[in-house]
PDB file of N, CA and C in Angstrom:
ATOM      1  N   MET A   1       0.832  -1.269   0.055  1.00  0.00           N
ATOM      2  CA  MET A   1       0.019   0.086   0.027  1.00  0.00           C
ATOM      3  C   MET A   1       1.133   1.259  -0.086  1.00  0.00           C
ATOM      4  N   CYS A   2       0.845   2.136  -0.778  1.00  0.00           N
ATOM      5  CA  CYS A   2       1.328   3.137  -0.859  1.00  0.00           C
ATOM      6  C   CYS A   2       0.543   4.440  -0.347  1.00  0.00           C
ATOM      7  N   VAL A   3       1.651   5.119   0.491  1.00  0.00           N
ATOM      8  CA  VAL A   3       1.151   6.081   1.346  1.00  0.00           C
ATOM      9  C   VAL A   3       1.341   7.458   0.976  1.00  0.00           C
ATOM     10  N   TRP A   4       2.568   7.470   0.262  1.00  0.00           N
ATOM     11  CA  TRP A   4       3.319   8.821   0.127  1.00  0.00           C
ATOM     12  C   TRP A   4       3.960   8.680  -1.257  1.00  0.00           C
ATOM     13  N   VAL A   5       4.064   9.666  -1.996  1.00  0.00           N
ATOM     14  CA  VAL A   5       4.814   9.588  -3.407  1.00  0.00           C
ATOM     15  C   VAL A   5       6.171  10.769  -3.081  1.00  0.00           C
ATOM     16  N   TRP A   6       7.340  10.275  -3.326  1.00  0.00           N
ATOM     17  CA  TRP A   6       8.357  11.239  -3.366  1.00  0.00           C
ATOM     18  C   TRP A   6       9.205  10.927  -4.571  1.00  0.00           C
ATOM     19  N   ASN A   7       9.638  11.976  -5.220  1.00  0.00           N
ATOM     20  CA  ASN A   7      10.683  11.980  -6.315  1.00  0.00           C
ATOM     21  C   ASN A   7       9.987  11.023  -7.361  1.00  0.00           C
ATOM     22  N   GLY A   8       8.710  10.936  -7.392  1.00  0.00           N
ATOM     23  CA  GLY A   8       8.245   9.884  -8.545  1.00  0.00           C
ATOM     24  C   GLY A   8       8.141   8.516  -8.254  1.00  0.00           C
ATOM     25  N   ARG A   9       8.284   8.409  -6.830  1.00  0.00           N
ATOM     26  CA  ARG A   9       8.415   6.835  -6.320  1.00  0.00           C
ATOM     27  C   ARG A   9       7.315   6.753  -5.110  1.00  0.00           C
ATOM     28  N   ALA A  10       6.690   5.781  -5.059  1.00  0.00           N
ATOM     29  CA  ALA A  10       6.012   5.245  -4.084  1.00  0.00           C
ATOM     30  C   ALA A  10       6.718   5.074  -2.537  1.00  0.00           C
ATOM     31  N   VAL A  11       6.522   5.455  -1.591  1.00  0.00           N
ATOM     32  CA  VAL A  11       6.936   5.294  -0.499  1.00  0.00           C
ATOM     33  C   VAL A  11       6.168   4.289   0.497  1.00  0.00           C
ATOM     34  N   PRO A  12       6.728   3.202   1.050  1.00  0.00           N
ATOM     35  CA  PRO A  12       5.965   2.178   1.842  1.00  0.00           C
ATOM     36  C   PRO A  12       5.658   2.736   2.992  1.00  0.00           C
ATOM     37  N   HIS A  13       4.164   2.293   3.530  1.00  0.00           N
ATOM     38  CA  HIS A  13       3.489   3.039   4.720  1.00  0.00           C
ATOM     39  C   HIS A  13       4.569   2.864   5.996  1.00  0.00           C
ATOM     40  N   GLN A  14       5.649   1.715   6.413  1.00  0.00           N
ATOM     41  CA  GLN A  14       6.496   1.608   7.353  1.00  0.00           C
ATOM     42  C   GLN A  14       7.220   2.957   7.394  1.00  0.00           C
ATOM     43  N   ILE A  15       8.120   3.331   6.250  1.00  0.00           N
ATOM     44  CA  ILE A  15       8.585   4.637   6.199  1.00  0.00           C
ATOM     45  C   ILE A  15       7.977   5.588   6.657  1.00  0.00           C
ATOM     46  N   VAL A  16       6.883   6.043   6.135  1.00  0.00           N
ATOM     47  CA  VAL A  16       6.027   7.251   6.496  1.00  0.00           C
ATOM     48  C   VAL A  16       5.795   7.168   7.771  1.00  0.00           C
ATOM     49  N   SER A  17       5.332   6.179   8.373  1.00  0.00           N
ATOM     50  CA  SER A  17       4.920   6.171   9.812  1.00  0.00           C
ATOM     51  C   SER A  17       6.208   6.405  10.767  1.00  0.00           C
ATOM     52  N   SER A  18       7.392   5.720  10.554  1.00  0.00           N
ATOM     53  CA  SER A  18       8.566   6.104  11.185  1.00  0.00           C
ATOM     54  C   SER A  18       8.970   7.223  11.214  1.00  0.00           C
ATOM     55  N   TYR A  19       8.798   7.893   9.995  1.00  0.00           N
ATOM     56  CA  TYR A  19       9.215   9.337   9.767  1.00  0.00           C
ATOM     57  C   TYR A  19       8.182  10.320  10.904  1.00  0.00           C
ATOM     58  N   ARG A  20       6.832   9.864  10.819  1.00  0.00           N
ATOM     59  CA  ARG A  20       6.069  10.859  11.543  1.00  0.00           C
ATOM     60  C   ARG A  20       6.277  10.895  13.076  1.00  0.00           C
ATOM     61  N   ARG A  21       6.687   9.460  13.476  1.00  0.00           N
ATOM     62  CA  ARG A  21       7.075   9.179  14.931  1.00  0.00           C
ATOM     63  C   ARG A  21       8.316  10.296  15.294  1.00  0.00           C
ATOM     64  N   GLU A  22       9.196  10.782  14.451  1.00  0.00           N
ATOM     65  CA  GLU A  22      10.108  11.800  14.843  1.00  0.00           C
ATOM     66  C   GLU A  22       9.861  13.092  14.598  1.00  0.00           C
ATOM     67  N   ASP A  23       8.781  13.488  14.372  1.00  0.00           N
ATOM     68  CA  ASP A  23       8.401  14.859  14.267  1.00  0.00           C
ATOM     69  C   ASP A  23       8.820  15.679  14.987  1.00  0.00           C
ATOM     70  N   GLY A  24       8.451  15.608  16.484  1.00  0.00           N
ATOM     71  CA  GLY A  24       8.958  16.300  17.710  1.00  0.00           C
ATOM     72  C   GLY A  24      10.042  16.075  18.238  1.00  0.00           C
ATOM     73  N   THR A  25      11.033  15.480  17.824  1.00  0.00           N
ATOM     74  CA  THR A  25      12.327  15.274  18.277  1.00  0.00           C
ATOM     75  C   THR A  25      13.053  16.424  18.237  1.00  0.00           C
ATOM     76  N   ALA A  26      13.059  17.204  17.193  1.00  0.00           N
ATOM     77  CA  ALA A  26      14.021  18.072  16.911  1.00  0.00           C
ATOM     78  C   ALA A  26      13.782  19.236  18.075  1.00  0.00           C
ATOM     79  N   SER A  27      12.820  19.440  18.527  1.00  0.00           N
ATOM     80  CA  SER A  27      12.200  20.428  19.595  1.00  0.00           C
ATOM     81  C   SER A  27      12.849  19.951  20.913  1.00  0.00           C
ATOM     82  N   VAL A  28      12.579  18.792  21.283  1.00  0.00           N
ATOM     83  CA  VAL A  28      13.107  18.076  22.539  1.00  0.00           C
ATOM     84  C   VAL A  28      14.701  18.201  22.647  1.00  0.00           C
ATOM     85  N   GLU A  29      15.277  17.636  21.432  1.00  0.00           N
ATOM     86  CA  GLU A  29      16.664  17.804  21.423  1.00  0.00           C
ATOM     87  C   GLU A  29      17.137  19.511  21.604  1.00  0.00           C
ATOM     88  N   LEU A  30      16.569  20.472  20.836  1.00  0.00           N
ATOM     89  CA  LEU A  30      16.792  21.889  21.197  1.00  0.00           C
ATOM     90  C   LEU A  30      16.705  22.158  22.435  1.00  0.00           C
ATOM     91  N   ILE A  31      15.644  21.979  23.172  1.00  0.00           N
ATOM     92  CA  ILE A  31      15.655  22.417  24.511  1.00  0.00           C
ATOM     93  C   ILE A  31      16.542  21.603  25.349  1.00  0.00           C
ATOM     94  N   GLY A  32      17.274  20.488  25.181  1.00  0.00           N
ATOM     95  CA  GLY A  32      18.421  19.940  25.839  1.00  0.00           C
ATOM     96  C   GLY A  32      19.664  20.643  25.616  1.00  0.00           C
ATOM     97  N   VAL A  33      19.783  21.149  24.236  1.00  0.00           N
ATOM     98  CA  VAL A  33      20.968  21.768  23.844  1.00  0.00           C
ATOM     99  C   VAL A  33      20.948  22.981  24.464  1.00  0.00           C
ATOM    100  N   LEU A  34      19.808  23.660  24.547  1.00  0.00           N
ATOM    101  CA  LEU A  34      19.641  25.092  25.077  1.00  0.00           C
ATOM    102  C   LEU A  34      20.236  25.298  26.551  1.00  0.00           C
ATOM    103  N   LYS A  35      19.954  24.136  27.388  1.00  0.00           N
ATOM    104  CA  LYS A  35      20.248  24.229  28.724  1.00  0.00           C
ATOM    105  C   LYS A  35      21.797  23.989  29.035  1.00  0.00           C
ATOM    106  N   ILE A  36      22.271  23.119  27.941  1.00  0.00           N
ATOM    107  CA  ILE A  36      23.650  23.182  28.097  1.00  0.00           C
ATOM    108  C   ILE A  36      24.453  24.593  27.518  1.00  0.00           C
ATOM    109  N   LEU A  37      23.825  25.089  26.398  1.00  0.00           N
ATOM    110  CA  LEU A  37      24.564  26.404  26.036  1.00  0.00           C
ATOM    111  C   LEU A  37      24.341  27.453  27.073  1.00  0.00           C
ATOM    112  N   LEU A  38      23.103  27.530  27.837  1.00  0.00           N
ATOM    113  CA  LEU A  38      22.800  28.604  28.688  1.00  0.00           C
ATOM    114  C   LEU A  38      23.895  28.444  29.926  1.00  0.00           C
ATOM    115  N   LEU A  39      24.155  26.967  30.359  1.00  0.00           N
ATOM    116  CA  LEU A  39      25.125  26.962  31.318  1.00  0.00           C
ATOM    117  C   LEU A  39      26.582  27.283  31.024  1.00  0.00           C
ATOM    118  N   ALA A  40      26.926  27.022  29.476  1.00  0.00           N
ATOM    119  CA  ALA A  40      28.234  27.391  28.974  1.00  0.00           C
ATOM    120  C   ALA A  40      28.131  28.927  29.159  1.00  0.00           C
ATOM    121  N   ILE A  41      27.256  29.626  28.482  1.00  0.00           N
ATOM    122  CA  ILE A  41      27.206  31.118  28.833  1.00  0.00           C
ATOM    123  C   ILE A  41      27.497  31.685  30.223  1.00  0.00           C
ATOM    124  N   LEU A  42      26.725  30.999  31.149  1.00  0.00           N
ATOM    125  CA  LEU A  42      26.979  31.545  32.483  1.00  0.00           C
ATOM    126  C   LEU A  42      28.335  31.247  32.941  1.00  0.00           C
ATOM    127  N   VAL A  43      29.131  29.922  32.801  1.00  0.00           N
ATOM    128  CA  VAL A  43      30.238  29.636  33.057  1.00  0.00           C
ATOM    129  C   VAL A  43      31.190  30.870  32.575  1.00  0.00           C
ATOM    130  N   ALA A  44      31.208  31.099  31.309  1.00  0.00           N
ATOM    131  CA  ALA A  44      31.995  31.701  30.511  1.00  0.00           C
ATOM    132  C   ALA A  44      31.799  33.121  31.204  1.00  0.00           C
ATOM    133  N   ALA A  45      30.493  33.759  31.582  1.00  0.00           N
ATOM    134  CA  ALA A  45      30.437  35.119  32.346  1.00  0.00           C
ATOM    135  C   ALA A  45      31.018  35.261  33.305  1.00  0.00           C
ATOM    136  N   GLN A  46      30.790  34.314  34.351  1.00  0.00           N
ATOM    137  CA  GLN A  46      31.648  34.237  35.592  1.00  0.00           C
ATOM    138  C   GLN A  46      33.010  34.185  35.626  1.00  0.00           C
ATOM    139  N   LEU A  47      33.653  33.244  34.658  1.00  0.00           N
ATOM    140  CA  LEU A  47      35.042  33.489  34.281  1.00  0.00           C
ATOM    141  C   LEU A  47      35.664  35.164  33.908  1.00  0.00           C
ATOM    142  N   SER A  48      34.780  35.578  33.031  1.00  0.00           N
ATOM    143  CA  SER A  48      35.102  36.656  32.819  1.00  0.00           C
ATOM    144  C   SER A  48      35.197  37.824  33.844  1.00  0.00           C
ATOM    145  N   ALA A  49      34.062  37.726  34.682  1.00  0.00           N
ATOM    146  CA  ALA A  49      33.846  38.542  35.759  1.00  0.00           C
ATOM    147  C   ALA A  49      35.335  38.248  36.856  1.00  0.00           C
ATOM    148  N   ALA A  50      35.597  36.926  37.087  1.00  0.00           N
ATOM    149  CA  ALA A  50      36.878  36.806  37.716  1.00  0.00           C
ATOM    150  C   ALA A  50      38.070  37.338  37.216  1.00  0.00           C
ATOM    151  N   GLY A  51      38.061  37.431  36.069  1.00  0.00           N
ATOM    152  CA  GLY A  51      39.270  37.931  35.336  1.00  0.00           C
ATOM    153  C   GLY A  51      39.149  39.244  35.433  1.00  0.00           C
ATOM    154  N   TYR A  52      37.909  40.026  35.575  1.00  0.00           N
ATOM    155  CA  TYR A  52      38.074  41.362  35.526  1.00  0.00           C
ATOM    156  C   TYR A  52      38.382  41.890  36.691  1.00  0.00           C
ATOM    157  N   ALA A  53      37.835  40.953  37.893  1.00  0.00           N
ATOM    158  CA  ALA A  53      38.094  41.555  39.297  1.00  0.00           C
ATOM    159  C   ALA A  53      39.837  41.306  39.790  1.00  0.00           C
ATOM    160  N   LEU A  54      40.298  40.217  38.953  1.00  0.00           N
ATOM    161  CA  LEU A  54      41.806  40.030  39.373  1.00  0.00           C
ATOM    162  C   LEU A  54      42.478  41.141  38.578  1.00  0.00           C
ATOM    163  N   TRP A  55      42.076  41.504  37.410  1.00  0.00           N
ATOM    164  CA  TRP A  55      42.898  42.572  36.353  1.00  0.00           C
ATOM    165  C   TRP A  55      42.956  43.548  37.353  1.00  0.00           C
ATOM    166  N   SER A  56      41.653  44.258  37.698  1.00  0.00           N
ATOM    167  CA  SER A  56      41.586  45.523  38.657  1.00  0.00           C
ATOM    168  C   SER A  56      42.292  45.473  39.908  1.00  0.00           C
ATOM    169  N   ALA A  57      42.580  44.245  40.648  1.00  0.00           N
ATOM    170  CA  ALA A  57      43.080  44.104  41.894  1.00  0.00           C
ATOM    171  C   ALA A  57      44.731  44.398  41.387  1.00  0.00           C
ATOM    172  N   GLY A  58      45.085  44.085  40.209  1.00  0.00           N
ATOM    173  CA  GLY A  58      46.489  43.892  39.953  1.00  0.00           C
ATOM    174  C   GLY A  58      46.917  45.600  39.751  1.00  0.00           C
ATOM    175  N   ILE A  59      46.108  46.327  38.987  1.00  0.00           N
ATOM    176  CA  ILE A  59      46.036  47.377  38.550  1.00  0.00           C
ATOM    177  C   ILE A  59      46.170  48.280  40.028  1.00  0.00           C
ATOM    178  N   ALA A  60      45.083  47.961  41.044  1.00  0.00           N
ATOM    179  CA  ALA A  60      45.201  48.767  42.182  1.00  0.00           C
ATOM    180  C   ALA A  60      46.369  48.442  43.101  1.00  0.00           C
ATOM    181  N   ALA A  61      47.010  47.189  43.013  1.00  0.00           N
ATOM    182  CA  ALA A  61      48.338  46.911  43.733  1.00  0.00           C
ATOM    183  C   ALA A  61      49.190  47.943  43.067  1.00  0.00           C
ATOM    184  N   ARG A  62      49.529  47.913  42.038  1.00  0.00           N
ATOM    185  CA  ARG A  62      50.490  48.816  41.220  1.00  0.00           C
ATOM    186  C   ARG A  62      50.291  50.215  41.756  1.00  0.00           C
ATOM    187  N   ALA A  63      49.158  50.678  41.529  1.00  0.00           N
ATOM    188  CA  ALA A  63      48.974  52.048  41.910  1.00  0.00           C
ATOM    189  C   ALA A  63      49.281  52.292  43.252  1.00  0.00           C
ATOM    190  N   GLY A  64      48.852  51.297  44.214  1.00  0.00           N
ATOM    191  CA  GLY A  64      49.259  51.642  45.770  1.00  0.00           C
ATOM    192  C   GLY A  64      50.738  51.447  45.828  1.00  0.00           C
ATOM    193  N   ALA A  65      51.570  50.692  45.210  1.00  0.00           N
ATOM    194  CA  ALA A  65      52.844  50.381  45.365  1.00  0.00           C
ATOM    195  C   ALA A  65      53.612  51.902  44.754  1.00  0.00           C
ATOM    196  N   ARG A  66      53.172  52.407  43.477  1.00  0.00           N
ATOM    197  CA  ARG A  66      53.784  53.470  43.162  1.00  0.00           C
ATOM    198  C   ARG A  66      53.592  54.591  44.108  1.00  0.00           C
ATOM    199  N   ALA A  67      52.376  54.950  44.979  1.00  0.00           N
ATOM    200  CA  ALA A  67      52.250  55.725  45.619  1.00  0.00           C
ATOM    201  C   ALA A  67      52.933  55.626  46.832  1.00  0.00           C
ATOM    202  N   GLY A  68      53.034  54.296  47.258  1.00  0.00           N
ATOM    203  CA  GLY A  68      53.923  54.107  48.677  1.00  0.00           C
ATOM    204  C   GLY A  68      55.428  54.449  48.219  1.00  0.00           C
ATOM    205  N   LEU A  69      55.923  54.253  47.078  1.00  0.00           N
ATOM    206  CA  LEU A  69      57.319  54.606  46.505  1.00  0.00           C
ATOM    207  C   LEU A  69      57.759  56.221  46.685  1.00  0.00           C
ATOM    208  N   VAL A  70      56.605  56.855  46.429  1.00  0.00           N
ATOM    209  CA  VAL A  70      57.004  58.242  46.607  1.00  0.00           C
ATOM    210  C   VAL A  70      56.370  59.157  47.814  1.00  0.00           C
ATOM    211  N   GLY A  71      56.179  58.166  48.749  1.00  0.00           N
ATOM    212  CA  GLY A  71      55.829  58.823  49.970  1.00  0.00           C
ATOM    213  C   GLY A  71      54.386  59.063  50.253  1.00  0.00           C
ATOM    214  N   ARG A  72      53.535  58.814  49.412  1.00  0.00           N
ATOM    215  CA  ARG A  72      52.301  58.986  49.451  1.00  0.00           C
ATOM    216  C   ARG A  72      51.304  57.899  50.062  1.00  0.00           C
ATOM    217  N   ASP A  73      50.226  57.782  50.529  1.00  0.00           N
ATOM    218  CA  ASP A  73      49.311  56.818  51.092  1.00  0.00           C
ATOM    219  C   ASP A  73      49.168  55.663  50.216  1.00  0.00           C
ATOM    220  N   ALA A  74      49.579  54.687  50.397  1.00  0.00           N
ATOM    221  CA  ALA A  74      49.405  53.544  49.349  1.00  0.00           C
ATOM    222  C   ALA A  74      48.058  52.855  49.304  1.00  0.00           C
ATOM    223  N   THR A  75      47.434  52.773  50.859  1.00  0.00           N
ATOM    224  CA  THR A  75      45.910  52.313  50.839  1.00  0.00           C
ATOM    225  C   THR A  75      45.102  53.078  49.990  1.00  0.00           C
ATOM    226  N   LYS A  76      45.146  54.388  50.374  1.00  0.00           N
ATOM    227  CA  LYS A  76      44.343  55.380  49.642  1.00  0.00           C
ATOM    228  C   LYS A  76      44.481  55.288  48.121  1.00  0.00           C
ATOM    229  N   ALA A  77      45.569  55.144  47.293  1.00  0.00           N
ATOM    230  CA  ALA A  77      45.847  54.989  45.964  1.00  0.00           C
ATOM    231  C   ALA A  77      45.156  53.917  45.706  1.00  0.00           C
ATOM    232  N   ALA A  78      45.128  52.563  46.256  1.00  0.00           N
ATOM    233  CA  ALA A  78      44.948  51.452  45.763  1.00  0.00           C
ATOM    234  C   ALA A  78      43.596  51.415  45.556  1.00  0.00           C
ATOM    235  N   ARG A  79      42.844  51.797  46.510  1.00  0.00           N
ATOM    236  CA  ARG A  79      41.308  51.901  46.739  1.00  0.00           C
ATOM    237  C   ARG A  79      40.802  52.913  45.561  1.00  0.00           C
ATOM    238  N   ALA A  80      41.553  53.957  45.490  1.00  0.00           N
ATOM    239  CA  ALA A  80      41.084  55.130  44.216  1.00  0.00           C
ATOM    240  C   ALA A  80      41.398  54.488  42.915  1.00  0.00           C
ATOM    241  N   ALA A  81      42.208  53.433  43.005  1.00  0.00           N
ATOM    242  CA  ALA A  81      42.532  52.900  41.399  1.00  0.00           C
ATOM    243  C   ALA A  81      41.317  51.678  41.208  1.00  0.00           C
ATOM    244  N   LEU A  82      40.708  51.123  41.995  1.00  0.00           N
ATOM    245  CA  LEU A  82      39.852  50.283  42.175  1.00  0.00           C
ATOM    246  C   LEU A  82      38.411  50.899  41.245  1.00  0.00           C
ATOM    247  N   PRO A  83      37.640  50.351  40.541  1.00  0.00           N
ATOM    248  CA  PRO A  83      36.271  50.459  40.059  1.00  0.00           C
ATOM    249  C   PRO A  83      35.323  50.533  41.256  1.00  0.00           C
ATOM    250  N   GLY A  84      34.448  51.607  40.996  1.00  0.00           N
ATOM    251  CA  GLY A  84      33.554  51.644  42.086  1.00  0.00           C
ATOM    252  C   GLY A  84      32.760  50.442  42.855  1.00  0.00           C
ATOM    253  N   SER A  85      32.606  49.601  41.806  1.00  0.00           N
ATOM    254  CA  SER A  85      31.949  48.130  41.926  1.00  0.00           C
ATOM    255  C   SER A  85      32.621  47.373  43.131  1.00  0.00           C
ATOM    256  N   LEU A  86      33.876  47.370  42.893  1.00  0.00           N
ATOM    257  CA  LEU A  86      35.073  46.591  43.806  1.00  0.00           C
ATOM    258  C   LEU A  86      35.570  47.397  45.121  1.00  0.00           C
ATOM    259  N   ARG A  87      35.323  48.539  44.980  1.00  0.00           N
ATOM    260  CA  ARG A  87      36.050  49.404  46.050  1.00  0.00           C
ATOM    261  C   ARG A  87      35.379  49.248  47.322  1.00  0.00           C
ATOM    262  N   ASP A  88      34.209  49.085  47.439  1.00  0.00           N
ATOM    263  CA  ASP A  88      33.632  48.931  49.025  1.00  0.00           C
ATOM    264  C   ASP A  88      34.122  47.588  49.893  1.00  0.00           C
ATOM    265  N   ASP A  89      34.056  46.524  49.111  1.00  0.00           N
ATOM    266  CA  ASP A  89      34.547  45.264  49.805  1.00  0.00           C
ATOM    267  C   ASP A  89      35.816  44.997  49.581  1.00  0.00           C
ATOM    268  N   ALA A  90      36.679  45.806  49.084  1.00  0.00           N
ATOM    269  CA  ALA A  90      38.095  45.257  48.842  1.00  0.00           C
ATOM    270  C   ALA A  90      38.799  45.258  50.009  1.00  0.00           C
ATOM    271  N   LYS A  91      40.061  44.521  50.074  1.00  0.00           N
ATOM    272  CA  LYS A  91      40.838  44.651  51.441  1.00  0.00           C
ATOM    273  C   LYS A  91      42.175  44.912  50.839  1.00  0.00           C
ATOM    274  N   VAL A  92      42.702  45.996  51.507  1.00  0.00           N
ATOM    275  CA  VAL A  92      44.215  46.383  51.214  1.00  0.00           C
ATOM    276  C   VAL A  92      44.806  46.296  52.091  1.00  0.00           C
ATOM    277  N   ASN A  93      46.190  45.994  52.031  1.00  0.00           N
ATOM    278  CA  ASN A  93      47.309  45.710  52.857  1.00  0.00           C
ATOM    279  C   ASN A  93      48.744  46.198  52.557  1.00  0.00           C
ATOM    280  N   ASP A  94      49.186  47.311  53.082  1.00  0.00           N
ATOM    281  CA  ASP A  94      50.398  47.685  52.547  1.00  0.00           C
ATOM    282  C   ASP A  94      51.517  47.482  53.377  1.00  0.00           C
ATOM    283  N   ASP A  95      51.554  46.195  54.093  1.00  0.00           N
ATOM    284  CA  ASP A  95      52.881  45.505  54.773  1.00  0.00           C
ATOM    285  C   ASP A  95      53.587  44.946  53.741  1.00  0.00           C
ATOM    286  N   HIS A  96      54.869  45.216  53.465  1.00  0.00           N
ATOM    287  CA  HIS A  96      55.484  44.424  52.666  1.00  0.00           C
ATOM    288  C   HIS A  96      55.184  44.598  51.287  1.00  0.00           C
ATOM    289  N   GLY A  97      54.975  45.894  50.664  1.00  0.00           N
ATOM    290  CA  GLY A  97      54.395  46.103  49.431  1.00  0.00           C
ATOM    291  C   GLY A  97      53.055  46.159  49.483  1.00  0.00           C
ATOM    292  N   VAL A  98      52.125  46.227  48.374  1.00  0.00           N
ATOM    293  CA  VAL A  98      50.494  46.490  48.617  1.00  0.00           C
ATOM    294  C   VAL A  98      49.925  45.112  47.849  1.00  0.00           C
ATOM    295  N   SER A  99      49.170  44.837  48.778  1.00  0.00           N
ATOM    296  CA  SER A  99      48.195  43.662  48.212  1.00  0.00           C
ATOM    297  C   SER A  99      46.963  44.062  48.393  1.00  0.00           C
ATOM    298  N   VAL A 100      46.057  43.650  47.427  1.00  0.00           N
ATOM    299  CA  VAL A 100      44.601  43.908  47.176  1.00  0.00           C
ATOM    300  C   VAL A 100      43.892  42.949  46.943  1.00  0.00           C
ATOM    301  N   HIS A 101      42.819  42.736  47.683  1.00  0.00           N
ATOM    302  CA  HIS A 101      41.774  41.063  47.624  1.00  0.00           C
ATOM    303  C   HIS A 101      40.490  41.858  47.553  1.00  0.00           C
ATOM    304  N   VAL A 102      40.001  41.553  46.116  1.00  0.00           N
ATOM    305  CA  VAL A 102      38.586  42.122  45.801  1.00  0.00           C
ATOM    306  C   VAL A 102      37.777  41.006  45.592  1.00  0.00           C
ATOM    307  N   PRO A 103      36.334  41.043  45.834  1.00  0.00           N
ATOM    308  CA  PRO A 103      35.399  40.375  45.659  1.00  0.00           C
ATOM    309  C   PRO A 103      35.070  40.091  44.305  1.00  0.00           C
ATOM    310  N   VAL A 104      34.860  38.678  43.877  1.00  0.00           N
ATOM    311  CA  VAL A 104      34.334  38.443  42.340  1.00  0.00           C
ATOM    312  C   VAL A 104      33.063  38.812  42.215  1.00  0.00           C
ATOM    313  N   PRO A 105      32.679  39.463  41.183  1.00  0.00           N
ATOM    314  CA  PRO A 105      31.209  39.745  41.010  1.00  0.00           C
ATOM    315  C   PRO A 105      30.532  38.593  40.830  1.00  0.00           C
ATOM    316  N   ARG A 106      29.258  38.289  41.537  1.00  0.00           N
ATOM    317  CA  ARG A 106      28.620  36.986  41.274  1.00  0.00           C
ATOM    318  C   ARG A 106      27.658  37.278  39.882  1.00  0.00           C
ATOM    319  N   ILE A 107      27.675  36.313  38.993  1.00  0.00           N
ATOM    320  CA  ILE A 107      26.707  36.541  37.778  1.00  0.00           C
ATOM    321  C   ILE A 107      25.307  35.912  38.328  1.00  0.00           C
ATOM    322  N   VAL A 108      25.718  34.849  39.256  1.00  0.00           N
ATOM    323  CA  VAL A 108      24.126  33.975  39.272  1.00  0.00           C
ATOM    324  C   VAL A 108      24.080  33.956  40.855  1.00  0.00           C
ATOM    325  N   PRO A 109      22.818  34.539  41.335  1.00  0.00           N
ATOM    326  CA  PRO A 109      22.826  34.563  42.853  1.00  0.00           C
ATOM    327  C   PRO A 109      22.742  33.464  43.307  1.00  0.00           C
ATOM    328  N   GLY A 110      23.458  33.359  44.350  1.00  0.00           N
ATOM    329  CA  GLY A 110      23.573  32.160  45.400  1.00  0.00           C
ATOM    330  C   GLY A 110      24.833  31.519  45.075  1.00  0.00           C
ATOM    331  N   MET A 111      25.776  32.007  44.403  1.00  0.00           N
ATOM    332  CA  MET A 111      26.999  31.381  44.498  1.00  0.00           C
ATOM    333  C   MET A 111      27.899  31.735  45.752  1.00  0.00           C
ATOM    334  N   PRO A 112      28.799  31.078  46.044  1.00  0.00           N
ATOM    335  CA  PRO A 112      29.774  31.369  47.102  1.00  0.00           C
ATOM    336  C   PRO A 112      30.344  32.456  46.886  1.00  0.00           C
ATOM    337  N   SER A 113      30.601  33.559  47.901  1.00  0.00           N
ATOM    338  CA  SER A 113      31.856  34.476  47.805  1.00  0.00           C
ATOM    339  C   SER A 113      33.106  34.161  47.367  1.00  0.00           C
ATOM    340  N   LEU A 114      33.680  34.548  46.382  1.00  0.00           N
ATOM    341  CA  LEU A 114      34.938  34.452  46.212  1.00  0.00           C
ATOM    342  C   LEU A 114      35.743  35.400  46.224  1.00  0.00           C
ATOM    343  N   PHE A 115      36.910  35.590  46.357  1.00  0.00           N
ATOM    344  CA  PHE A 115      37.895  36.453  46.554  1.00  0.00           C
ATOM    345  C   PHE A 115      39.021  36.435  45.531  1.00  0.00           C
ATOM    346  N   VAL A 116      39.733  37.438  44.841  1.00  0.00           N
ATOM    347  CA  VAL A 116      40.888  37.211  44.096  1.00  0.00           C
ATOM    348  C   VAL A 116      41.570  38.430  44.593  1.00  0.00           C
ATOM    349  N   GLY A 117      43.021  38.226  44.402  1.00  0.00           N
ATOM    350  CA  GLY A 117      43.890  39.177  44.822  1.00  0.00           C
ATOM    351  C   GLY A 117      45.447  39.315  44.310  1.00  0.00           C
ATOM    352  N   ALA A 118      45.730  40.650  44.411  1.00  0.00           N
ATOM    353  CA  ALA A 118      47.199  40.737  43.671  1.00  0.00           C
ATOM    354  C   ALA A 118      48.077  41.438  44.479  1.00  0.00           C
ATOM    355  N   SER A 119      49.356  41.295  44.592  1.00  0.00           N
ATOM    356  CA  SER A 119      50.035  41.934  45.413  1.00  0.00           C
ATOM    357  C   SER A 119      51.317  42.484  44.600  1.00  0.00           C
ATOM    358  N   THR A 120      51.991  43.656  44.755  1.00  0.00           N
ATOM    359  CA  THR A 120      53.134  44.591  43.981  1.00  0.00           C
ATOM    360  C   THR A 120      53.936  44.955  44.929  1.00  0.00           C
ATOM    361  N   ALA A 121      55.308  44.958  44.836  1.00  0.00           N
ATOM    362  CA  ALA A 121      56.369  45.814  45.668  1.00  0.00           C
ATOM    363  C   ALA A 121      57.109  46.239  45.123  1.00  0.00           C
ATOM    364  N   LEU A 122      57.441  47.785  45.272  1.00  0.00           N
ATOM    365  CA  LEU A 122      58.364  48.380  44.335  1.00  0.00           C
ATOM    366  C   LEU A 122      59.548  48.736  45.248  1.00  0.00           C
ATOM    367  N   GLU A 123      60.778  48.758  44.600  1.00  0.00           N
ATOM    368  CA  GLU A 123      61.731  49.299  45.566  1.00  0.00           C
ATOM    369  C   GLU A 123      62.536  50.676  44.528  1.00  0.00           C
ATOM    370  N   SER A 124      62.804  51.561  45.203  1.00  0.00           N
ATOM    371  CA  SER A 124      63.736  52.650  44.629  1.00  0.00           C
ATOM    372  C   SER A 124      64.976  52.306  44.107  1.00  0.00           C
ATOM    373  N   ALA A 125      64.909  52.548  42.756  1.00  0.00           N
ATOM    374  CA  ALA A 125      66.413  52.391  42.101  1.00  0.00           C
ATOM    375  C   ALA A 125      67.671  53.029  42.661  1.00  0.00           C
ATOM    376  N   GLY A 126      67.295  54.312  43.530  1.00  0.00           N
ATOM    377  CA  GLY A 126      68.605  54.882  43.497  1.00  0.00           C
ATOM    378  C   GLY A 126      69.105  54.590  44.962  1.00  0.00           C
ATOM    379  N   GLY A 127      68.423  53.426  45.694  1.00  0.00           N
ATOM    380  CA  GLY A 127      68.841  52.997  46.966  1.00  0.00           C
ATOM    381  C   GLY A 127      68.879  53.616  48.059  1.00  0.00           C
TER     382      GLY A 127
END
């Protein structure tokens, strides 16, 4: 019994019925892939936020060390070099160089608090 005609040929009933059983599988597969894609995007965004925080801490530590080298307040200079979103919770220490620890911005609420930090020590070339 011919149910369907394709390219001038009759297609048996078994092939047509198996084709119809797969009608919604692409939608189900798309939903599964979208979950994995969303997770990958969130992980990439969180890693980018951690990199941003680490980069900012490094810049602030360097600015604090430069200020300390010329006799200014290293802690104040390091805090001033931080972006406003990281400045409030930053921990700055100017013992043996300058170290700055900042919280990593959380992309997903409920994630644990993570801190990244950097430290820099500069010495006078003139001795």
